[in-house]
Amino acid sequence: MNPKIKVIIKRPDEPRGHVCWISSRLENLQRTVGGYIQVFPLTGHSTIICDEEGKLKGKPVNCRCSGQVFVGTIIFVGLDQDDFTDVPEGAIDLWKQGLVFL
């Protein structure tokens, strides 16, 4: 089974990122961020996935969120206990209004 989840992906060269559906398989998440994944929880139901070694690899700065500087491509996803899920609809609504800078 290869479940797909709705996410916001933001690359360093994108001003806001884009909403899309991607496979939640570990290999796909690693390919998307360009390395081993690191997870930064934002709230009880959402998190940012990034390249664990992005700063060491010299990837370009992407954005700042919750006091953390993110580099390289990041993925904003929902979180249900230990499983990645669709990004919360409320977060997508805020993103569309330009209130979330991912």
N, C-alpha and C. Protein backbone atom coordinates (compact mmCIF):
# COMPACT_ATOMS: atom_id res chain seq x y z
N MET A 1 0.84 -1.19 0.00
CA MET A 1 0.00 0.00 0.00
C MET A 1 0.88 1.25 0.00
N ASN A 2 0.50 2.23 -0.76
CA ASN A 2 1.28 3.46 -0.89
C ASN A 2 0.34 4.65 -0.67
N PRO A 3 0.00 4.92 0.60
CA PRO A 3 -0.96 6.00 0.85
C PRO A 3 -0.39 7.37 0.47
N LYS A 4 -1.24 8.20 -0.06
CA LYS A 4 -0.84 9.56 -0.40
C LYS A 4 -1.47 10.50 0.62
N ILE A 5 -0.73 11.55 0.93
CA ILE A 5 -1.21 12.55 1.88
C ILE A 5 -1.12 13.93 1.24
N LYS A 6 -1.99 14.82 1.67
CA LYS A 6 -2.01 16.20 1.19
C LYS A 6 -1.04 17.01 2.04
N VAL A 7 -0.10 17.68 1.40
CA VAL A 7 0.97 18.40 2.10
C VAL A 7 1.18 19.78 1.48
N ILE A 8 1.94 20.60 2.16
CA ILE A 8 2.48 21.83 1.58
C ILE A 8 3.99 21.59 1.45
N ILE A 9 4.49 21.69 0.23
CA ILE A 9 5.93 21.58 0.00
C ILE A 9 6.45 22.97 -0.31
N LYS A 10 7.54 23.35 0.35
CA LYS A 10 8.15 24.65 0.08
C LYS A 10 9.63 24.45 -0.21
N ARG A 11 10.02 24.91 -1.39
CA ARG A 11 11.42 24.91 -1.78
C ARG A 11 12.00 26.29 -1.48
N PRO A 12 13.30 26.40 -1.30
CA PRO A 12 13.89 27.70 -0.98
C PRO A 12 13.61 28.78 -2.03
N ASP A 13 13.43 28.39 -3.29
CA ASP A 13 13.21 29.38 -4.35
C ASP A 13 11.74 29.74 -4.53
N GLU A 14 10.85 29.17 -3.73
CA GLU A 14 9.42 29.48 -3.81
C GLU A 14 9.05 30.47 -2.72
N PRO A 15 8.30 31.51 -3.06
CA PRO A 15 7.92 32.47 -2.02
C PRO A 15 6.95 31.87 -0.99
N ARG A 16 6.07 30.93 -1.42
CA ARG A 16 5.07 30.41 -0.49
C ARG A 16 4.94 28.90 -0.47
N GLY A 17 5.44 28.21 -1.43
CA GLY A 17 5.25 26.77 -1.48
C GLY A 17 3.99 26.41 -2.25
N HIS A 18 3.67 25.13 -2.26
CA HIS A 18 2.50 24.67 -3.01
C HIS A 18 1.88 23.45 -2.32
N VAL A 19 0.57 23.30 -2.48
CA VAL A 19 -0.16 22.16 -1.93
C VAL A 19 -0.15 21.05 -2.98
N CYS A 20 0.11 19.83 -2.54
CA CYS A 20 0.07 18.70 -3.46
C CYS A 20 -0.14 17.41 -2.67
N TRP A 21 -0.34 16.33 -3.39
CA TRP A 21 -0.48 14.99 -2.81
C TRP A 21 0.82 14.25 -3.07
N ILE A 22 1.37 13.62 -2.01
CA ILE A 22 2.59 12.83 -2.18
C ILE A 22 2.46 11.52 -1.41
N SER A 23 3.30 10.57 -1.77
CA SER A 23 3.36 9.31 -1.05
C SER A 23 3.96 9.56 0.34
N SER A 24 3.39 8.90 1.34
CA SER A 24 3.91 9.06 2.70
C SER A 24 4.99 8.03 3.04
N ARG A 25 5.43 7.27 2.03
CA ARG A 25 6.50 6.30 2.28
C ARG A 25 7.79 7.02 2.63
N LEU A 26 8.53 6.46 3.56
CA LEU A 26 9.78 7.06 4.02
C LEU A 26 10.71 7.40 2.87
N GLU A 27 10.85 6.49 1.92
CA GLU A 27 11.76 6.71 0.80
C GLU A 27 11.35 7.94 -0.01
N ASN A 28 10.06 8.14 -0.19
CA ASN A 28 9.59 9.30 -0.94
C ASN A 28 9.82 10.59 -0.16
N LEU A 29 9.57 10.57 1.14
CA LEU A 29 9.81 11.76 1.96
C LEU A 29 11.29 12.13 1.93
N GLN A 30 12.16 11.13 2.01
CA GLN A 30 13.60 11.39 1.96
C GLN A 30 14.00 11.96 0.60
N ARG A 31 13.45 11.42 -0.46
CA ARG A 31 13.75 11.92 -1.81
C ARG A 31 13.27 13.37 -1.95
N THR A 32 12.12 13.69 -1.39
CA THR A 32 11.57 15.03 -1.51
C THR A 32 12.43 16.07 -0.80
N VAL A 33 12.92 15.75 0.41
CA VAL A 33 13.75 16.72 1.14
C VAL A 33 15.23 16.59 0.81
N GLY A 34 15.62 15.51 0.14
CA GLY A 34 17.01 15.35 -0.28
C GLY A 34 17.93 14.77 0.75
N GLY A 35 17.42 13.94 1.64
CA GLY A 35 18.26 13.30 2.65
C GLY A 35 17.42 12.64 3.72
N TYR A 36 18.10 12.19 4.78
CA TYR A 36 17.38 11.60 5.90
C TYR A 36 16.45 12.65 6.51
N ILE A 37 15.26 12.21 6.90
CA ILE A 37 14.30 13.20 7.40
C ILE A 37 14.49 13.50 8.88
N GLN A 38 14.18 14.74 9.21
CA GLN A 38 14.11 15.19 10.60
C GLN A 38 12.74 15.84 10.76
N VAL A 39 12.11 15.59 11.89
CA VAL A 39 10.74 16.06 12.12
C VAL A 39 10.75 17.13 13.21
N PHE A 40 10.09 18.27 12.94
CA PHE A 40 9.95 19.36 13.90
C PHE A 40 8.47 19.59 14.17
N PRO A 41 7.93 19.05 15.27
CA PRO A 41 6.51 19.26 15.58
C PRO A 41 6.20 20.74 15.77
N LEU A 42 5.08 21.18 15.20
CA LEU A 42 4.64 22.57 15.33
C LEU A 42 3.49 22.68 16.33
N THR A 43 2.50 21.81 16.18
CA THR A 43 1.36 21.77 17.09
C THR A 43 1.08 20.30 17.36
N GLY A 44 0.01 20.02 18.05
CA GLY A 44 -0.35 18.63 18.30
C GLY A 44 -0.71 17.87 17.05
N HIS A 45 -1.01 18.58 15.95
CA HIS A 45 -1.49 17.89 14.75
C HIS A 45 -0.76 18.27 13.47
N SER A 46 0.39 18.94 13.56
CA SER A 46 1.14 19.26 12.36
C SER A 46 2.63 19.31 12.67
N THR A 47 3.42 19.14 11.61
CA THR A 47 4.86 19.09 11.78
C THR A 47 5.54 19.48 10.47
N ILE A 48 6.80 19.85 10.56
CA ILE A 48 7.63 20.11 9.39
C ILE A 48 8.64 18.98 9.26
N ILE A 49 8.79 18.48 8.04
CA ILE A 49 9.81 17.47 7.73
C ILE A 49 10.88 18.16 6.90
N CYS A 50 12.15 17.97 7.28
CA CYS A 50 13.26 18.57 6.54
C CYS A 50 14.40 17.58 6.45
N ASP A 51 15.46 17.95 5.74
CA ASP A 51 16.67 17.15 5.63
C ASP A 51 17.47 17.29 6.92
N GLU A 52 17.70 16.18 7.58
CA GLU A 52 18.41 16.17 8.86
C GLU A 52 19.80 16.82 8.77
N GLU A 53 20.45 16.69 7.64
CA GLU A 53 21.80 17.23 7.48
C GLU A 53 21.84 18.40 6.51
N GLY A 54 20.70 19.05 6.29
CA GLY A 54 20.62 20.15 5.33
C GLY A 54 21.61 21.27 5.58
N LYS A 55 21.77 21.66 6.84
CA LYS A 55 22.71 22.76 7.16
C LYS A 55 24.15 22.32 6.91
N LEU A 56 24.47 21.07 7.28
CA LEU A 56 25.82 20.56 7.04
C LEU A 56 26.14 20.47 5.55
N LYS A 57 25.11 20.19 4.75
CA LYS A 57 25.28 20.09 3.30
C LYS A 57 25.32 21.46 2.63
N GLY A 58 25.06 22.53 3.39
CA GLY A 58 25.10 23.87 2.83
C GLY A 58 23.89 24.22 1.98
N LYS A 59 22.75 23.59 2.26
CA LYS A 59 21.54 23.89 1.48
C LYS A 59 21.10 25.32 1.76
N PRO A 60 20.44 25.96 0.79
CA PRO A 60 20.02 27.35 0.97
C PRO A 60 18.91 27.50 2.02
N VAL A 61 18.91 28.65 2.66
CA VAL A 61 17.89 28.95 3.67
C VAL A 61 16.52 28.97 3.00
N ASN A 62 15.57 28.37 3.66
CA ASN A 62 14.20 28.29 3.16
C ASN A 62 13.32 29.29 3.90
N CYS A 63 13.19 29.11 5.23
CA CYS A 63 12.32 29.98 6.02
C CYS A 63 12.65 29.82 7.49
N ARG A 64 12.01 30.66 8.29
CA ARG A 64 12.13 30.57 9.74
C ARG A 64 10.73 30.30 10.28
N CYS A 65 10.64 29.35 11.19
CA CYS A 65 9.35 29.00 11.78
C CYS A 65 9.59 28.49 13.20
N SER A 66 8.83 29.00 14.14
CA SER A 66 8.95 28.59 15.55
C SER A 66 10.38 28.70 16.06
N GLY A 67 11.06 29.78 15.66
CA GLY A 67 12.42 30.02 16.12
C GLY A 67 13.47 29.14 15.46
N GLN A 68 13.09 28.36 14.49
CA GLN A 68 14.00 27.45 13.81
C GLN A 68 14.23 27.93 12.38
N VAL A 69 15.47 27.89 11.92
CA VAL A 69 15.77 28.21 10.53
C VAL A 69 15.81 26.91 9.75
N PHE A 70 15.00 26.83 8.70
CA PHE A 70 14.95 25.64 7.87
C PHE A 70 15.68 25.89 6.55
N VAL A 71 16.40 24.87 6.10
CA VAL A 71 17.13 24.96 4.84
C VAL A 71 16.65 23.86 3.91
N GLY A 72 16.88 24.07 2.61
CA GLY A 72 16.47 23.07 1.63
C GLY A 72 14.95 22.98 1.54
N THR A 73 14.48 21.96 0.87
CA THR A 73 13.05 21.74 0.70
C THR A 73 12.46 21.20 1.99
N ILE A 74 11.30 21.73 2.38
CA ILE A 74 10.61 21.26 3.58
C ILE A 74 9.20 20.80 3.19
N ILE A 75 8.63 19.94 4.03
CA ILE A 75 7.28 19.42 3.83
C ILE A 75 6.49 19.70 5.10
N PHE A 76 5.34 20.33 4.97
CA PHE A 76 4.45 20.60 6.09
C PHE A 76 3.34 19.57 6.02
N VAL A 77 3.22 18.73 7.06
CA VAL A 77 2.26 17.63 7.06
C VAL A 77 1.45 17.63 8.35
N GLY A 78 0.37 16.86 8.32
CA GLY A 78 -0.39 16.59 9.54
C GLY A 78 0.27 15.45 10.29
N LEU A 79 -0.11 15.32 11.55
CA LEU A 79 0.47 14.29 12.40
C LEU A 79 -0.65 13.66 13.23
N ASP A 80 -0.74 12.34 13.18
CA ASP A 80 -1.71 11.59 13.98
C ASP A 80 -0.92 10.55 14.76
N GLN A 81 -0.61 10.87 15.99
CA GLN A 81 0.27 10.07 16.83
C GLN A 81 1.61 9.92 16.12
N ASP A 82 1.94 8.74 15.61
CA ASP A 82 3.24 8.53 14.95
C ASP A 82 3.13 8.50 13.43
N ASP A 83 1.95 8.78 12.88
CA ASP A 83 1.74 8.69 11.44
C ASP A 83 1.61 10.07 10.81
N PHE A 84 2.22 10.24 9.64
CA PHE A 84 2.04 11.46 8.87
C PHE A 84 0.69 11.38 8.17
N THR A 85 -0.05 12.48 8.19
CA THR A 85 -1.37 12.54 7.59
C THR A 85 -1.49 13.83 6.78
N ASP A 86 -2.68 14.03 6.21
CA ASP A 86 -2.94 15.27 5.48
C ASP A 86 -2.68 16.48 6.37
N VAL A 87 -2.11 17.51 5.76
CA VAL A 87 -1.92 18.77 6.49
C VAL A 87 -3.33 19.26 6.90
N PRO A 88 -3.50 19.77 8.11
CA PRO A 88 -4.82 20.21 8.54
C PRO A 88 -5.41 21.26 7.59
N GLU A 89 -6.70 21.12 7.27
CA GLU A 89 -7.37 22.05 6.35
C GLU A 89 -7.28 23.50 6.84
N GLY A 90 -7.36 23.70 8.15
CA GLY A 90 -7.23 25.05 8.70
C GLY A 90 -5.89 25.67 8.36
N ALA A 91 -4.84 24.87 8.37
CA ALA A 91 -3.51 25.37 8.02
C ALA A 91 -3.44 25.72 6.54
N ILE A 92 -4.09 24.92 5.70
CA ILE A 92 -4.11 25.23 4.26
C ILE A 92 -4.87 26.53 4.02
N ASP A 93 -5.98 26.73 4.73
CA ASP A 93 -6.74 27.97 4.60
C ASP A 93 -5.89 29.17 4.98
N LEU A 94 -5.15 29.08 6.08
CA LEU A 94 -4.27 30.18 6.50
C LEU A 94 -3.18 30.41 5.47
N TRP A 95 -2.63 29.32 4.92
CA TRP A 95 -1.58 29.43 3.91
C TRP A 95 -2.12 30.14 2.67
N LYS A 96 -3.33 29.78 2.24
CA LYS A 96 -3.92 30.41 1.05
C LYS A 96 -4.15 31.90 1.25
N GLN A 97 -4.42 32.30 2.50
CA GLN A 97 -4.64 33.72 2.80
C GLN A 97 -3.32 34.46 3.01
N GLY A 98 -2.21 33.73 2.94
CA GLY A 98 -0.92 34.37 3.13
C GLY A 98 -0.56 34.61 4.58
N LEU A 99 -1.30 33.96 5.50
CA LEU A 99 -1.03 34.14 6.92
C LEU A 99 0.01 33.17 7.46
N VAL A 100 0.30 32.14 6.68
CA VAL A 100 1.36 31.19 7.01
C VAL A 100 2.39 31.31 5.91
N PHE A 101 3.65 31.50 6.28
CA PHE A 101 4.67 31.82 5.29
C PHE A 101 5.40 30.60 4.76
N LEU A 102 4.93 29.40 5.02
CA LEU A 102 5.59 28.21 4.49
C LEU A 102 5.45 28.17 2.99
